[in-house]
C-alpha atoms as a PDB file:
ATOM      1  CA  MET A   1      91.270 106.946 103.071  1.00  0.00           C
ATOM      2  CA  LYS A   2      89.990 104.332 105.495  1.00  0.00           C
ATOM      3  CA  LEU A   3      90.868 104.145 109.186  1.00  0.00           C
ATOM      4  CA  GLY A   4      91.490 101.161 111.452  1.00  0.00           C
ATOM      5  CA  LEU A   5      91.546 100.747 115.216  1.00  0.00           C
ATOM      6  CA  HIS A   6      94.404  98.891 116.905  1.00  0.00           C
ATOM      7  CA  VAL A   7      93.843  97.830 120.532  1.00  0.00           C
ATOM      8  CA  ALA A   8      97.190  97.138 122.162  1.00  0.00           C
ATOM      9  CA  ASP A   9      96.737  98.074 125.826  1.00  0.00           C
ATOM     10  CA  PHE A  10      94.333  96.179 128.069  1.00  0.00           C
ATOM     11  CA  SER A  11      95.428  97.666 131.408  1.00  0.00           C
ATOM     12  CA  TRP A  12      92.151  99.338 132.251  1.00  0.00           C
ATOM     13  CA  PRO A  13      91.210 100.786 135.663  1.00  0.00           C
ATOM     14  CA  ASP A  14      88.914  98.000 136.867  1.00  0.00           C
ATOM     15  CA  GLY A  15      91.446  95.223 136.238  1.00  0.00           C
ATOM     16  CA  PRO A  16      91.138  91.890 134.411  1.00  0.00           C
ATOM     17  CA  ARG A  17      87.424  91.448 135.116  1.00  0.00           C
ATOM     18  CA  SER A  18      86.736  94.568 133.080  1.00  0.00           C
ATOM     19  CA  ILE A  19      88.723  93.502 130.015  1.00  0.00           C
ATOM     20  CA  GLY A  20      86.012  91.415 128.330  1.00  0.00           C
ATOM     21  CA  PRO A  21      83.110  93.859 128.745  1.00  0.00           C
ATOM     22  CA  THR A  22      85.256  96.892 127.915  1.00  0.00           C
ATOM     23  CA  LEU A  23      86.719  95.271 124.811  1.00  0.00           C
ATOM     24  CA  ALA A  24      83.246  94.279 123.649  1.00  0.00           C
ATOM     25  CA  ARG A  25      82.004  97.851 123.990  1.00  0.00           C
ATOM     26  CA  ILE A  26      85.037  99.208 122.117  1.00  0.00           C
ATOM     27  CA  ALA A  27      84.527  96.700 119.305  1.00  0.00           C
ATOM     28  CA  LYS A  28      80.810  97.403 118.947  1.00  0.00           C
ATOM     29  CA  ASP A  29      81.311 101.165 118.940  1.00  0.00           C
ATOM     30  CA  ALA A  30      84.187 100.935 116.438  1.00  0.00           C
ATOM     31  CA  ASP A  31      82.027  98.746 114.206  1.00  0.00           C
ATOM     32  CA  GLU A  32      79.193 101.262 114.277  1.00  0.00           C
ATOM     33  CA  ALA A  33      81.515 104.262 113.909  1.00  0.00           C
ATOM     34  CA  GLY A  34      82.776 103.128 110.518  1.00  0.00           C
ATOM     35  CA  PHE A  35      86.307 101.975 111.270  1.00  0.00           C
ATOM     36  CA  SER A  36      87.419  99.684 108.458  1.00  0.00           C
ATOM     37  CA  LYS A  37      89.581  97.273 110.462  1.00  0.00           C
ATOM     38  CA  LEU A  38      89.993  96.213 114.082  1.00  0.00           C
ATOM     39  CA  SER A  39      93.217  94.588 115.232  1.00  0.00           C
ATOM     40  CA  VAL A  40      95.147  93.334 118.228  1.00  0.00           C
ATOM     41  CA  MET A  41      98.864  92.607 118.600  1.00  0.00           C
ATOM     42  CA  ASP A  42     100.247  89.093 118.391  1.00  0.00           C
ATOM     43  CA  HIS A  43     102.142  89.468 121.658  1.00  0.00           C
ATOM     44  CA  LEU A  44     101.933  87.589 124.923  1.00  0.00           C
ATOM     45  CA  TRP A  45     103.768  90.211 126.990  1.00  0.00           C
ATOM     46  CA  GLN A  46     103.262  93.952 126.707  1.00  0.00           C
ATOM     47  CA  ILE A  47     105.778  95.706 124.451  1.00  0.00           C
ATOM     48  CA  GLU A  48     108.222  98.190 125.880  1.00  0.00           C
ATOM     49  CA  TRP A  49     106.990 101.408 124.253  1.00  0.00           C
ATOM     50  CA  ILE A  50     103.546 100.878 125.788  1.00  0.00           C
ATOM     51  CA  GLY A  51     104.598  99.603 129.203  1.00  0.00           C
ATOM     52  CA  PRO A  52     106.434  96.917 131.164  1.00  0.00           C
ATOM     53  CA  PRO A  53     105.978  93.262 130.144  1.00  0.00           C
ATOM     54  CA  GLU A  54     103.942  92.564 133.277  1.00  0.00           C
ATOM     55  CA  LEU A  55     100.984  94.609 132.035  1.00  0.00           C
ATOM     56  CA  GLU A  56      97.871  92.752 130.880  1.00  0.00           C
ATOM     57  CA  MET A  57      98.066  91.190 127.404  1.00  0.00           C
ATOM     58  CA  LEU A  58      95.669  88.878 125.575  1.00  0.00           C
ATOM     59  CA  GLU A  59      96.455  86.102 123.092  1.00  0.00           C
ATOM     60  CA  ALA A  60      95.607  87.385 119.629  1.00  0.00           C
ATOM     61  CA  TYR A  61      93.523  84.699 117.959  1.00  0.00           C
ATOM     62  CA  THR A  62      91.401  83.925 121.010  1.00  0.00           C
ATOM     63  CA  THR A  63      90.712  87.657 121.224  1.00  0.00           C
ATOM     64  CA  LEU A  64      89.866  87.937 117.528  1.00  0.00           C
ATOM     65  CA  GLY A  65      87.250  85.215 117.909  1.00  0.00           C
ATOM     66  CA  TYR A  66      85.706  87.202 120.769  1.00  0.00           C
ATOM     67  CA  LEU A  67      85.755  90.349 118.629  1.00  0.00           C
ATOM     68  CA  ALA A  68      84.084  88.501 115.771  1.00  0.00           C
ATOM     69  CA  ALA A  69      81.189  87.609 118.078  1.00  0.00           C
ATOM     70  CA  ASN A  70      80.798  91.244 119.136  1.00  0.00           C
ATOM     71  CA  THR A  71      80.875  92.870 115.682  1.00  0.00           C
ATOM     72  CA  SER A  72      79.109  92.460 112.358  1.00  0.00           C
ATOM     73  CA  ARG A  73      80.914  94.568 109.735  1.00  0.00           C
ATOM     74  CA  ILE A  74      84.467  95.476 110.671  1.00  0.00           C
ATOM     75  CA  GLU A  75      87.410  93.441 109.314  1.00  0.00           C
ATOM     76  CA  LEU A  76      89.532  91.593 111.866  1.00  0.00           C
ATOM     77  CA  LEU A  77      93.218  90.729 112.065  1.00  0.00           C
ATOM     78  CA  ALA A  78      96.325  90.393 114.161  1.00  0.00           C
ATOM     79  CA  TRP A  79      98.605  93.350 113.474  1.00  0.00           C
ATOM     80  CA  VAL A  80     100.745  91.331 112.950  1.00  0.00           C
ATOM     81  CA  THR A  81     101.109  87.579 113.559  1.00  0.00           C
ATOM     82  CA  ALA A  82     104.607  86.503 114.629  1.00  0.00           C
ATOM     83  CA  VAL A  83     105.352  83.805 112.079  1.00  0.00           C
ATOM     84  CA  VAL A  84     107.380  81.609 114.433  1.00  0.00           C
ATOM     85  CA  TYR A  85     104.754  81.493 117.193  1.00  0.00           C
ATOM     86  CA  ARG A  86     102.477  79.060 115.299  1.00  0.00           C
ATOM     87  CA  GLU A  87     103.123  76.342 112.770  1.00  0.00           C
ATOM     88  CA  PRO A  88     101.831  77.612 109.390  1.00  0.00           C
ATOM     89  CA  GLY A  89      99.239  74.860 108.989  1.00  0.00           C
ATOM     90  CA  LEU A  90      97.715  75.780 112.344  1.00  0.00           C
ATOM     91  CA  LEU A  91      97.896  79.484 111.502  1.00  0.00           C
ATOM     92  CA  ALA A  92      96.059  78.971 108.213  1.00  0.00           C
ATOM     93  CA  LYS A  93      93.416  76.997 110.092  1.00  0.00           C
ATOM     94  CA  ALA A  94      93.044  79.738 112.721  1.00  0.00           C
ATOM     95  CA  VAL A  95      92.569  82.480 110.128  1.00  0.00           C
ATOM     96  CA  THR A  96      90.168  80.298 108.152  1.00  0.00           C
ATOM     97  CA  THR A  97      88.146  79.634 111.305  1.00  0.00           C
ATOM     98  CA  LEU A  98      88.012  83.352 112.055  1.00  0.00           C
ATOM     99  CA  ASP A  99      86.871  84.043 108.506  1.00  0.00           C
ATOM    100  CA  VAL A 100      84.089  81.452 108.680  1.00  0.00           C
ATOM    101  CA  LEU A 101      82.829  82.514 112.096  1.00  0.00           C
ATOM    102  CA  SER A 102      82.969  86.230 111.264  1.00  0.00           C
ATOM    103  CA  GLY A 103      81.104  85.851 107.979  1.00  0.00           C
ATOM    104  CA  GLY A 104      84.136  86.561 105.796  1.00  0.00           C
ATOM    105  CA  ARG A 105      85.856  89.375 107.687  1.00  0.00           C
ATOM    106  CA  ALA A 106      89.277  87.895 108.474  1.00  0.00           C
ATOM    107  CA  TRP A 107      92.662  89.051 107.267  1.00  0.00           C
ATOM    108  CA  LEU A 108      96.020  87.395 107.779  1.00  0.00           C
ATOM    109  CA  GLY A 109      98.385  89.994 109.164  1.00  0.00           C
ATOM    110  CA  ILE A 110     101.863  88.509 109.417  1.00  0.00           C
ATOM    111  CA  GLY A 111     105.507  89.420 109.943  1.00  0.00           C
ATOM    112  CA  ALA A 112     108.881  87.935 110.785  1.00  0.00           C
ATOM    113  CA  ALA A 113     108.578  88.510 114.582  1.00  0.00           C
ATOM    114  CA  TRP A 114     110.953  90.621 116.680  1.00  0.00           C
ATOM    115  CA  TYR A 115     110.257  90.292 120.435  1.00  0.00           C
ATOM    116  CA  GLU A 116     113.007  87.855 121.384  1.00  0.00           C
ATOM    117  CA  GLU A 117     112.687  88.332 125.147  1.00  0.00           C
ATOM    118  CA  GLU A 118     109.018  87.356 125.011  1.00  0.00           C
ATOM    119  CA  ALA A 119     109.698  84.301 122.870  1.00  0.00           C
ATOM    120  CA  ARG A 120     112.601  83.090 125.013  1.00  0.00           C
ATOM    121  CA  GLY A 121     110.638  83.723 128.187  1.00  0.00           C
ATOM    122  CA  LEU A 122     107.755  81.523 127.093  1.00  0.00           C
ATOM    123  CA  GLY A 123     109.792  78.862 125.325  1.00  0.00           C
ATOM    124  CA  LEU A 124     108.672  79.812 121.824  1.00  0.00           C
ATOM    125  CA  PRO A 125     111.001  79.346 118.855  1.00  0.00           C
ATOM    126  CA  PHE A 126     112.992  82.404 117.841  1.00  0.00           C
ATOM    127  CA  PRO A 127     115.605  81.531 115.212  1.00  0.00           C
ATOM    128  CA  PRO A 128     118.015  84.087 113.705  1.00  0.00           C
ATOM    129  CA  THR A 129     116.666  86.855 111.477  1.00  0.00           C
ATOM    130  CA  ALA A 130     117.533  85.216 108.167  1.00  0.00           C
ATOM    131  CA  GLU A 131     115.750  82.021 109.143  1.00  0.00           C
ATOM    132  CA  ARG A 132     112.692  83.888 110.396  1.00  0.00           C
ATOM    133  CA  PHE A 133     112.345  85.484 106.971  1.00  0.00           C
ATOM    134  CA  GLU A 134     112.758  82.106 105.290  1.00  0.00           C
ATOM    135  CA  ARG A 135     110.000  80.771 107.518  1.00  0.00           C
ATOM    136  CA  LEU A 136     107.857  83.801 106.746  1.00  0.00           C
ATOM    137  CA  GLU A 137     108.015  83.129 103.029  1.00  0.00           C
ATOM    138  CA  GLU A 138     107.263  79.438 103.496  1.00  0.00           C
ATOM    139  CA  ALA A 139     104.348  80.275 105.797  1.00  0.00           C
ATOM    140  CA  LEU A 140     102.897  82.581 103.151  1.00  0.00           C
ATOM    141  CA  GLN A 141     103.209  79.836 100.548  1.00  0.00           C
ATOM    142  CA  ILE A 142     101.600  77.289 102.882  1.00  0.00           C
ATOM    143  CA  CYS A 143      98.643  79.543 103.712  1.00  0.00           C
ATOM    144  CA  LEU A 144      98.003  80.228 100.038  1.00  0.00           C
ATOM    145  CA  HIS A 145      98.312  76.505  99.291  1.00  0.00           C
ATOM    146  CA  MET A 146      95.817  75.656 102.028  1.00  0.00           C
ATOM    147  CA  TRP A 147      93.364  78.236 100.679  1.00  0.00           C
ATOM    148  CA  ALA A 148      93.577  76.779  97.172  1.00  0.00           C
ATOM    149  CA  ASP A 149      91.716  73.805  95.752  1.00  0.00           C
ATOM    150  CA  ASP A 150      94.726  71.486  95.827  1.00  0.00           C
ATOM    151  CA  ASP A 151      95.216  69.730  99.179  1.00  0.00           C
ATOM    152  CA  GLY A 152      98.459  68.102  98.160  1.00  0.00           C
ATOM    153  CA  PRO A 153     101.671  68.101 100.232  1.00  0.00           C
ATOM    154  CA  TYR A 154     104.043  70.995 100.794  1.00  0.00           C
ATOM    155  CA  ALA A 155     107.771  70.444 101.122  1.00  0.00           C
ATOM    156  CA  GLY A 156     109.914  73.389 102.154  1.00  0.00           C
ATOM    157  CA  ARG A 157     113.212  73.848 103.903  1.00  0.00           C
ATOM    158  CA  HIS A 158     111.611  74.463 107.298  1.00  0.00           C
ATOM    159  CA  TYR A 159     108.089  73.068 106.983  1.00  0.00           C
ATOM    160  CA  GLN A 160     106.774  69.841 105.541  1.00  0.00           C
ATOM    161  CA  LEU A 161     103.023  69.183 105.339  1.00  0.00           C
ATOM    162  CA  GLY A 162     101.749  65.817 104.204  1.00  0.00           C
ATOM    163  CA  ARG A 163      98.281  67.037 103.223  1.00  0.00           C
ATOM    164  CA  THR A 164      97.179  70.666 103.140  1.00  0.00           C
ATOM    165  CA  LEU A 165      93.512  69.950 103.776  1.00  0.00           C
ATOM    166  CA  THR A 166      91.338  72.875 104.878  1.00  0.00           C
ATOM    167  CA  SER A 167      87.683  72.153 105.658  1.00  0.00           C
ATOM    168  CA  PRO A 168      85.652  74.251 105.828  1.00  0.00           C
ATOM    169  CA  GLN A 169      87.350  76.604 103.449  1.00  0.00           C
ATOM    170  CA  ALA A 170      87.396  80.348 104.085  1.00  0.00           C
ATOM    171  CA  LEU A 171      84.314  82.254 103.010  1.00  0.00           C
ATOM    172  CA  THR A 172      86.490  84.998 101.530  1.00  0.00           C
ATOM    173  CA  ARG A 173      87.546  83.893  98.056  1.00  0.00           C
ATOM    174  CA  PRO A 174      90.045  83.313  96.670  1.00  0.00           C
ATOM    175  CA  HIS A 175      91.382  83.629 100.229  1.00  0.00           C
ATOM    176  CA  PRO A 176      91.473  85.969 103.229  1.00  0.00           C
ATOM    177  CA  PRO A 177      93.568  89.011 102.312  1.00  0.00           C
ATOM    178  CA  ILE A 178      97.178  89.049 103.476  1.00  0.00           C
ATOM    179  CA  LEU A 179      98.863  92.059 105.079  1.00  0.00           C
ATOM    180  CA  ILE A 180     102.616  91.879 105.660  1.00  0.00           C
ATOM    181  CA  GLY A 181     103.975  94.170 108.361  1.00  0.00           C
ATOM    182  CA  GLY A 182     107.296  95.954 108.120  1.00  0.00           C
ATOM    183  CA  GLY A 183     109.242  98.198 105.797  1.00  0.00           C
ATOM    184  CA  GLY A 184     112.299  96.075 105.063  1.00  0.00           C
ATOM    185  CA  GLU A 185     113.298  96.915 101.534  1.00  0.00           C
ATOM    186  CA  LYS A 186     115.042  93.715 100.437  1.00  0.00           C
ATOM    187  CA  LYS A 187     112.701  91.038 101.761  1.00  0.00           C
ATOM    188  CA  THR A 188     109.553  92.372 103.431  1.00  0.00           C
ATOM    189  CA  LEU A 189     108.435  94.639 100.608  1.00  0.00           C
ATOM    190  CA  ARG A 190     109.385  91.983  98.068  1.00  0.00           C
ATOM    191  CA  PHE A 191     107.138  89.525  99.890  1.00  0.00           C
ATOM    192  CA  VAL A 192     104.337  92.113  99.754  1.00  0.00           C
ATOM    193  CA  ALA A 193     104.720  92.394  95.990  1.00  0.00           C
ATOM    194  CA  GLN A 194     104.791  88.643  95.544  1.00  0.00           C
ATOM    195  CA  TYR A 195     102.215  87.399  98.045  1.00  0.00           C
ATOM    196  CA  ALA A 196     100.153  90.096  99.794  1.00  0.00           C
ATOM    197  CA  GLN A 197      97.148  92.329  99.333  1.00  0.00           C
ATOM    198  CA  ALA A 198      98.441  95.029 101.703  1.00  0.00           C
ATOM    199  CA  CYS A 199     101.688  96.411 103.068  1.00  0.00           C
ATOM    200  CA  ASN A 200     102.152  98.098 106.410  1.00  0.00           C
ATOM    201  CA  ILE A 201     104.831 100.688 107.088  1.00  0.00           C
ATOM    202  CA  ALA A 202     105.407 103.239 109.811  1.00  0.00           C
ATOM    203  CA  ALA A 203     103.970 106.703 109.204  1.00  0.00           C
ATOM    204  CA  GLY A 204     107.379 108.379 109.204  1.00  0.00           C
ATOM    205  CA  PRO A 205     109.360 110.589 106.829  1.00  0.00           C
ATOM    206  CA  ASP A 206     110.327 107.704 104.537  1.00  0.00           C
ATOM    207  CA  VAL A 207     106.815 106.646 103.503  1.00  0.00           C
ATOM    208  CA  ALA A 208     107.261 107.881  99.932  1.00  0.00           C
ATOM    209  CA  HIS A 209     110.581 106.091  99.613  1.00  0.00           C
ATOM    210  CA  LYS A 210     109.166 102.813 100.939  1.00  0.00           C
ATOM    211  CA  LEU A 211     106.313 103.007  98.456  1.00  0.00           C
ATOM    212  CA  ASP A 212     108.790 103.605  95.635  1.00  0.00           C
ATOM    213  CA  VAL A 213     110.669 100.474  96.697  1.00  0.00           C
ATOM    214  CA  LEU A 214     107.413  98.516  96.746  1.00  0.00           C
ATOM    215  CA  ARG A 215     106.621  99.792  93.262  1.00  0.00           C
ATOM    216  CA  GLU A 216     110.019  98.536  92.052  1.00  0.00           C
ATOM    217  CA  HIS A 217     109.411  95.094  93.558  1.00  0.00           C
ATOM    218  CA  CYS A 218     105.993  94.944  91.903  1.00  0.00           C
ATOM    219  CA  ALA A 219     107.560  95.714  88.536  1.00  0.00           C
ATOM    220  CA  ALA A 220     110.190  93.029  89.103  1.00  0.00           C
ATOM    221  CA  VAL A 221     107.640  90.284  89.831  1.00  0.00           C
ATOM    222  CA  GLY A 222     104.992  91.462  87.368  1.00  0.00           C
ATOM    223  CA  ARG A 223     102.498  92.602  90.002  1.00  0.00           C
ATOM    224  CA  ASP A 224     100.125  95.526  89.575  1.00  0.00           C
ATOM    225  CA  TYR A 225     101.202  98.041  92.229  1.00  0.00           C
ATOM    226  CA  GLU A 226      97.680  99.490  92.357  1.00  0.00           C
ATOM    227  CA  GLU A 227      96.274  96.153  93.566  1.00  0.00           C
ATOM    228  CA  ILE A 228      98.040  96.534  96.909  1.00  0.00           C
ATOM    229  CA  GLU A 229      96.455  98.392  99.810  1.00  0.00           C
ATOM    230  CA  LYS A 230      99.021 100.781 101.274  1.00  0.00           C
ATOM    231  CA  THR A 231      98.666 101.062 105.035  1.00  0.00           C
ATOM    232  CA  VAL A 232     100.527 102.897 107.764  1.00  0.00           C
ATOM    233  CA  ILE A 233     100.639 102.294 111.493  1.00  0.00           C
ATOM    234  CA  MET A 234     100.438 105.417 113.649  1.00  0.00           C
ATOM    235  CA  VAL A 235      98.841 106.920 116.735  1.00  0.00           C
ATOM    236  CA  LEU A 236      95.372 108.256 116.005  1.00  0.00           C
ATOM    237  CA  ASP A 237      94.832 110.851 118.724  1.00  0.00           C
ATOM    238  CA  PRO A 238      91.955 113.313 118.341  1.00  0.00           C
ATOM    239  CA  GLY A 239      92.656 114.795 121.777  1.00  0.00           C
ATOM    240  CA  PRO A 240      90.497 114.470 124.893  1.00  0.00           C
ATOM    241  CA  ALA A 241      88.048 117.101 123.642  1.00  0.00           C
ATOM    242  CA  GLY A 242      88.785 116.928 119.928  1.00  0.00           C
ATOM    243  CA  GLU A 243      91.469 119.595 119.989  1.00  0.00           C
ATOM    244  CA  ASN A 244      93.756 117.509 117.739  1.00  0.00           C
ATOM    245  CA  VAL A 245      91.181 116.659 115.092  1.00  0.00           C
ATOM    246  CA  ASP A 246      92.291 119.263 112.536  1.00  0.00           C
ATOM    247  CA  ALA A 247      95.974 118.370 112.910  1.00  0.00           C
ATOM    248  CA  LEU A 248      95.191 114.674 112.599  1.00  0.00           C
ATOM    249  CA  LEU A 249      93.133 115.235 109.478  1.00  0.00           C
ATOM    250  CA  GLU A 250      95.949 117.295 107.976  1.00  0.00           C
ATOM    251  CA  GLN A 251      98.401 114.453 108.650  1.00  0.00           C
ATOM    252  CA  LEU A 252      96.032 111.908 107.126  1.00  0.00           C
ATOM    253  CA  GLN A 253      95.551 114.060 104.050  1.00  0.00           C
ATOM    254  CA  GLU A 254      99.320 114.306 103.581  1.00  0.00           C
ATOM    255  CA  LEU A 255      99.629 110.526 103.817  1.00  0.00           C
ATOM    256  CA  ALA A 256      96.793 110.069 101.340  1.00  0.00           C
ATOM    257  CA  ALA A 257      98.594 112.334  98.900  1.00  0.00           C
ATOM    258  CA  LEU A 258     101.557 109.942  99.038  1.00  0.00           C
ATOM    259  CA  GLY A 259      99.319 107.010  98.154  1.00  0.00           C
ATOM    260  CA  ILE A 260      98.362 105.665 101.586  1.00  0.00           C
ATOM    261  CA  THR A 261      94.859 104.201 101.525  1.00  0.00           C
ATOM    262  CA  HIS A 262      94.488 103.033 105.126  1.00  0.00           C
ATOM    263  CA  ALA A 263      95.760 104.524 108.395  1.00  0.00           C
ATOM    264  CA  HIS A 264      95.708 102.195 111.376  1.00  0.00           C
ATOM    265  CA  GLY A 265      96.579 102.737 114.982  1.00  0.00           C
ATOM    266  CA  GLN A 266      95.956 103.074 118.669  1.00  0.00           C
ATOM    267  CA  VAL A 267      93.493 105.675 119.886  1.00  0.00           C
ATOM    268  CA  PRO A 268      94.464 107.073 123.298  1.00  0.00           C
ATOM    269  CA  ARG A 269      91.758 106.825 125.971  1.00  0.00           C
ATOM    270  CA  VAL A 270      89.765 104.464 123.743  1.00  0.00           C
ATOM    271  CA  ALA A 271      88.356 102.600 126.754  1.00  0.00           C
ATOM    272  CA  THR A 272      86.332 105.717 127.644  1.00  0.00           C
ATOM    273  CA  LEU A 273      84.598 105.301 124.237  1.00  0.00           C
ATOM    274  CA  ALA A 274      84.411 109.094 123.784  1.00  0.00           C
ATOM    275  CA  PRO A 275      87.216 109.192 121.155  1.00  0.00           C
ATOM    276  CA  ILE A 276      85.348 106.676 119.012  1.00  0.00           C
ATOM    277  CA  GLN A 277      82.426 109.077 118.821  1.00  0.00           C
ATOM    278  CA  LEU A 278      84.798 111.826 117.664  1.00  0.00           C
ATOM    279  CA  PHE A 279      86.015 109.557 114.894  1.00  0.00           C
ATOM    280  CA  ALA A 280      82.460 108.718 113.872  1.00  0.00           C
ATOM    281  CA  GLU A 281      81.365 112.354 113.713  1.00  0.00           C
ATOM    282  CA  ARG A 282      84.416 114.296 112.571  1.00  0.00           C
ATOM    283  CA  ILE A 283      87.274 112.139 111.334  1.00  0.00           C
ATOM    284  CA  ILE A 284      86.121 109.024 109.467  1.00  0.00           C
ATOM    285  CA  PRO A 285      83.712 110.932 107.150  1.00  0.00           C
ATOM    286  CA  ALA A 286      86.344 113.571 106.399  1.00  0.00           C
ATOM    287  CA  ALA A 287      89.115 111.045 105.775  1.00  0.00           C
ATOM    288  CA  ALA A 288      86.879 109.170 103.351  1.00  0.00           C
ATOM    289  CA  GLU A 289      87.139 112.176 101.048  1.00  0.00           C
ATOM    290  CA  PHE A 290      90.946 112.055 100.813  1.00  0.00           C
END
């Protein structure tokens, strides 16, 4: 099993001036420690289960470019892009740019969006749920079209592109991998089977069931289930002095037994950098054996 680091809280003790240097140190240490992926949220306000909306938050793709410049190995993505926050042609261009500048380390993490208060507050589009999923599928089709050799037009219900030109093309071929966030059984997991290289579900009691549903969708569309990276989002907390390491490893081993190949999440107290060292020494090597 591989592990990924998700940085979702930028409210560090020394305030905004410390965000850039602290984030750079986190990224460099995570890169050296052996984390497989490094991600940020595609939010513009803080989300409620971390803190009030007034807390510091960075725009995702600007931040990913900064992370690319401060790392050399780790894969980079937004976990996950809100499909309605950017027109798909611009989104494909942003991910392509990240891939080129990072030397082929970009992923497209994407989902149907959910934070209505944030969108309304900043004047961003936030159509009803059914339409957001329609737009999600069209955005996936557009990104794949823009990463293909054909630069012809795209005509969908919600998006129309006159010429899907992408230059330079992504270094990752045939295209940057796609991760679709969410465990919705009718649409989200079907989209994974049809379009994506990875799913992302919550590390809860229904993981096995969600994977069974994904397997059924793969069979329905003729996709090899084994091609898809199965990821979970969770809190990765080794404890301030490593007291939770054994329990965390036990949880990761249980998830691996269900078929999960990548566990991704926030690491409490990550800005101190000490937890990253615990992962490097005691957790990442052990999880690699699962």
